[in-house]
Amino acid sequence: MATQESALTFALLAVPARAAICRALLEAGDDGLPADQLAQLAGLTLHRAAHHFGEMVQAEVLVLVIRDRRVGYVLKARREVREALSYLDSSGLD
């Protein structure tokens, strides 16, 4: 049975750009990636990506980090994101 947390994570990842952001952050590991690099990987402008980042931070999927005066993000809900991406991959919804 899905928890409210995993259902929310899945709903967020159903948006292809958000799934791309999460895939990149899974690969990046604990260091995360800068916002501009994530936006580029997702095929978004930084302005548009900021909207997605904000919603994912609010949902506690991402954590905002500042390193060397650069805004970046780290994946917080790693297990839930990995499960949601696995489901998306196996169902062909991605």
Protein backbone atom coordinates (compact mmCIF):
# COMPACT_ATOMS: atom_id res chain seq x y z
CA MET A 1 0.00 0.00 0.00
CA ALA A 2 1.39 3.41 -0.96
CA THR A 3 2.01 5.94 1.75
CA GLN A 4 0.96 9.54 1.38
CA GLU A 5 4.65 10.41 1.06
CA SER A 6 5.28 7.94 -1.77
CA ALA A 7 2.07 8.99 -3.54
CA LEU A 8 3.19 12.61 -3.41
CA THR A 9 6.65 11.70 -4.67
CA PHE A 10 5.11 9.76 -7.55
CA ALA A 11 2.80 12.67 -8.42
CA LEU A 12 5.78 15.03 -8.53
CA LEU A 13 7.81 12.66 -10.68
CA ALA A 14 5.00 12.19 -13.19
CA VAL A 15 6.16 15.50 -14.69
CA PRO A 16 9.01 14.59 -17.10
CA ALA A 17 11.19 17.59 -16.18
CA ARG A 18 10.94 16.74 -12.48
CA ALA A 19 11.76 13.12 -13.17
CA ALA A 20 14.84 14.26 -15.13
CA ILE A 21 15.91 16.47 -12.23
CA CYS A 22 15.52 13.60 -9.77
CA ARG A 23 17.37 11.15 -12.02
CA ALA A 24 20.30 13.56 -12.24
CA LEU A 25 20.31 14.04 -8.47
CA LEU A 26 20.23 10.28 -7.86
CA GLU A 27 23.34 9.96 -10.02
CA ALA A 28 25.01 12.95 -8.34
CA GLY A 29 24.70 11.43 -4.88
CA ASP A 30 25.05 13.34 -1.64
CA ASP A 31 26.78 16.34 -3.23
CA GLY A 32 23.77 17.26 -5.36
CA LEU A 33 24.04 19.58 -8.35
CA PRO A 34 23.84 23.32 -9.01
CA ALA A 35 20.44 24.67 -10.02
CA ASP A 36 21.61 25.87 -13.42
CA GLN A 37 23.05 22.47 -14.29
CA LEU A 38 19.84 20.72 -13.20
CA ALA A 39 17.76 23.11 -15.29
CA GLN A 40 19.91 22.41 -18.34
CA LEU A 41 19.72 18.64 -17.82
CA ALA A 42 15.91 18.89 -17.61
CA GLY A 43 15.71 21.05 -20.74
CA LEU A 44 14.32 24.03 -18.83
CA THR A 45 15.22 27.65 -18.37
CA LEU A 46 16.48 28.40 -14.88
CA HIS A 47 13.38 30.52 -14.30
CA ARG A 48 11.02 27.65 -15.18
CA ALA A 49 13.11 25.13 -13.26
CA ALA A 50 12.90 27.34 -10.15
CA HIS A 51 9.14 26.68 -10.05
CA HIS A 52 9.75 22.92 -10.06
CA PHE A 53 12.53 23.21 -7.48
CA GLY A 54 10.26 25.19 -5.17
CA GLU A 55 7.46 22.65 -5.33
CA MET A 56 9.82 19.74 -4.77
CA VAL A 57 11.44 21.48 -1.79
CA GLN A 58 8.02 22.18 -0.32
CA ALA A 59 7.11 18.49 -0.77
CA GLU A 60 10.40 17.55 0.94
CA VAL A 61 11.72 15.73 -2.11
CA LEU A 62 14.67 18.14 -2.51
CA VAL A 63 16.78 20.20 -0.15
CA LEU A 64 18.23 23.56 -1.19
CA VAL A 65 21.97 23.95 -0.53
CA ILE A 66 24.28 26.90 -1.07
CA ARG A 67 27.93 26.18 -1.83
CA ASP A 68 30.44 28.76 -2.96
CA ARG A 69 27.59 31.24 -3.41
CA ARG A 70 25.83 28.91 -5.87
CA VAL A 71 22.34 27.54 -5.30
CA GLY A 72 22.07 23.81 -5.67
CA TYR A 73 19.84 20.93 -4.68
CA VAL A 74 20.24 17.55 -3.04
CA LEU A 75 17.72 14.75 -3.16
CA LYS A 76 16.10 14.25 0.24
CA ALA A 77 13.61 11.45 -0.42
CA ARG A 78 16.07 9.11 -2.14
CA ARG A 79 14.27 5.84 -1.44
CA GLU A 80 10.85 7.18 -2.44
CA VAL A 81 12.22 8.80 -5.58
CA ARG A 82 14.06 5.64 -6.58
CA GLU A 83 10.85 3.62 -6.10
CA ALA A 84 8.74 6.13 -8.05
CA LEU A 85 11.24 6.25 -10.93
CA SER A 86 11.41 2.46 -11.00
CA TYR A 87 7.61 2.33 -11.26
CA LEU A 88 7.60 4.96 -14.01
CA ASP A 89 10.25 3.01 -15.93
CA SER A 90 8.45 -0.32 -15.63
CA SER A 91 5.03 1.10 -16.51
CA GLY A 92 6.17 3.09 -19.51
CA LEU A 93 4.76 6.31 -18.06
CA ASP A 94 8.07 8.12 -18.30
